[in-house]
Amino acid sequence: MMLGLATSLEAGTLTLSATPILVTVEEGGEVVAAALRTPPHNLLITRASDGAIAGLIAALRAQGVALPGVMGPAGDAERFAAAWGGER
């Protein structure tokens, strides 16, 4: 789903009501997690370690992002949601 949305964004074929959010987390020069949101929809995340989830959350909080929810691999999305809710 994330790749399809990113491809549509790049091609300009996706109509959005607000600016999309695209975030990557790098460790040692390699991308270890990514997230994409096309408002008003939920944030989509890839598989992510606890450290990568913390990095995603820090980047989103720094930009003042509000999220309606998160989607992704079950365990990763659950850990993201728990961490996101715990930092309020």
Protein backbone atom coordinates (compact mmCIF):
# COMPACT_ATOMS: atom_id res chain seq x y z
CA MET A 1 0.00 0.00 0.00
CA MET A 2 2.77 2.43 0.95
CA LEU A 3 4.65 1.91 -2.32
CA GLY A 4 1.47 2.38 -4.35
CA LEU A 5 0.69 5.65 -2.58
CA ALA A 6 4.27 6.89 -2.92
CA THR A 7 4.22 6.09 -6.64
CA SER A 8 0.94 7.96 -7.07
CA LEU A 9 2.33 10.95 -5.16
CA GLU A 10 5.43 11.02 -7.34
CA ALA A 11 3.33 10.75 -10.52
CA GLY A 12 0.96 13.47 -9.33
CA THR A 13 -2.07 11.24 -9.80
CA LEU A 14 -3.24 11.34 -6.19
CA THR A 15 -5.52 14.20 -5.12
CA LEU A 16 -4.96 15.21 -1.50
CA SER A 17 -6.76 17.50 0.92
CA ALA A 18 -3.50 18.36 2.73
CA THR A 19 0.26 17.93 2.43
CA PRO A 20 1.35 14.29 2.73
CA ILE A 21 3.78 13.20 5.42
CA LEU A 22 6.79 11.07 4.45
CA VAL A 23 9.36 10.09 7.07
CA THR A 24 12.34 7.76 7.08
CA VAL A 25 14.54 6.68 9.97
CA GLU A 26 18.19 5.89 9.27
CA GLU A 27 20.69 3.99 11.39
CA GLY A 28 24.27 3.74 10.23
CA GLY A 29 23.39 5.32 6.88
CA GLU A 30 20.67 2.76 6.10
CA VAL A 31 16.91 3.29 6.13
CA VAL A 32 15.48 1.10 8.90
CA ALA A 33 11.87 2.35 8.92
CA ALA A 34 9.52 4.53 6.92
CA ALA A 35 6.13 6.13 7.38
CA LEU A 36 3.66 7.80 5.03
CA ARG A 37 0.38 9.61 5.66
CA THR A 38 -2.01 11.06 3.12
CA PRO A 39 -4.40 13.16 5.23
CA PRO A 40 -7.01 12.52 6.47
CA HIS A 41 -5.99 8.84 6.56
CA ASN A 42 -4.01 6.90 9.15
CA LEU A 43 -0.24 6.82 9.22
CA LEU A 44 1.25 3.81 7.41
CA ILE A 45 4.45 2.37 8.86
CA THR A 46 6.88 -0.32 7.82
CA ARG A 47 8.44 -2.90 10.12
CA ALA A 48 10.41 -1.03 12.76
CA SER A 49 12.55 -1.69 15.81
CA ASP A 50 11.71 0.07 19.07
CA GLY A 51 14.49 2.57 18.31
CA ALA A 52 13.09 3.26 14.84
CA ILE A 53 9.60 3.72 16.28
CA ALA A 54 11.02 6.24 18.75
CA GLY A 55 12.70 8.03 15.83
CA LEU A 56 9.46 8.15 13.83
CA ILE A 57 7.58 9.51 16.83
CA ALA A 58 10.24 12.15 17.52
CA ALA A 59 10.15 13.34 13.90
CA LEU A 60 6.35 13.51 13.83
CA ARG A 61 6.11 15.26 17.20
CA ALA A 62 8.76 17.80 16.13
CA GLN A 63 6.49 18.76 13.24
CA GLY A 64 3.38 18.97 15.46
CA VAL A 65 1.65 16.13 13.61
CA ALA A 66 -1.68 14.83 14.94
CA LEU A 67 -2.62 11.30 13.95
CA PRO A 68 -6.03 9.60 13.75
CA GLY A 69 -4.41 6.15 13.85
CA VAL A 70 -1.66 3.91 12.54
CA MET A 71 -1.53 0.95 10.16
CA GLY A 72 1.28 -1.46 9.45
CA PRO A 73 2.58 -4.85 10.48
CA ALA A 74 0.48 -5.79 13.53
CA GLY A 75 3.19 -5.87 16.19
CA ASP A 76 4.92 -2.76 14.90
CA ALA A 77 1.70 -0.76 14.61
CA GLU A 78 0.67 -1.82 18.12
CA ARG A 79 4.04 -0.78 19.56
CA PHE A 80 3.87 2.54 17.68
CA ALA A 81 0.34 3.22 18.98
CA ALA A 82 1.33 2.38 22.56
CA ALA A 83 4.42 4.60 22.38
CA TRP A 84 2.54 7.43 20.66
CA GLY A 85 -0.23 7.36 23.28
CA GLY A 86 2.24 7.11 26.14
CA GLU A 87 4.04 10.31 25.15
CA ARG A 88 1.06 12.61 25.35
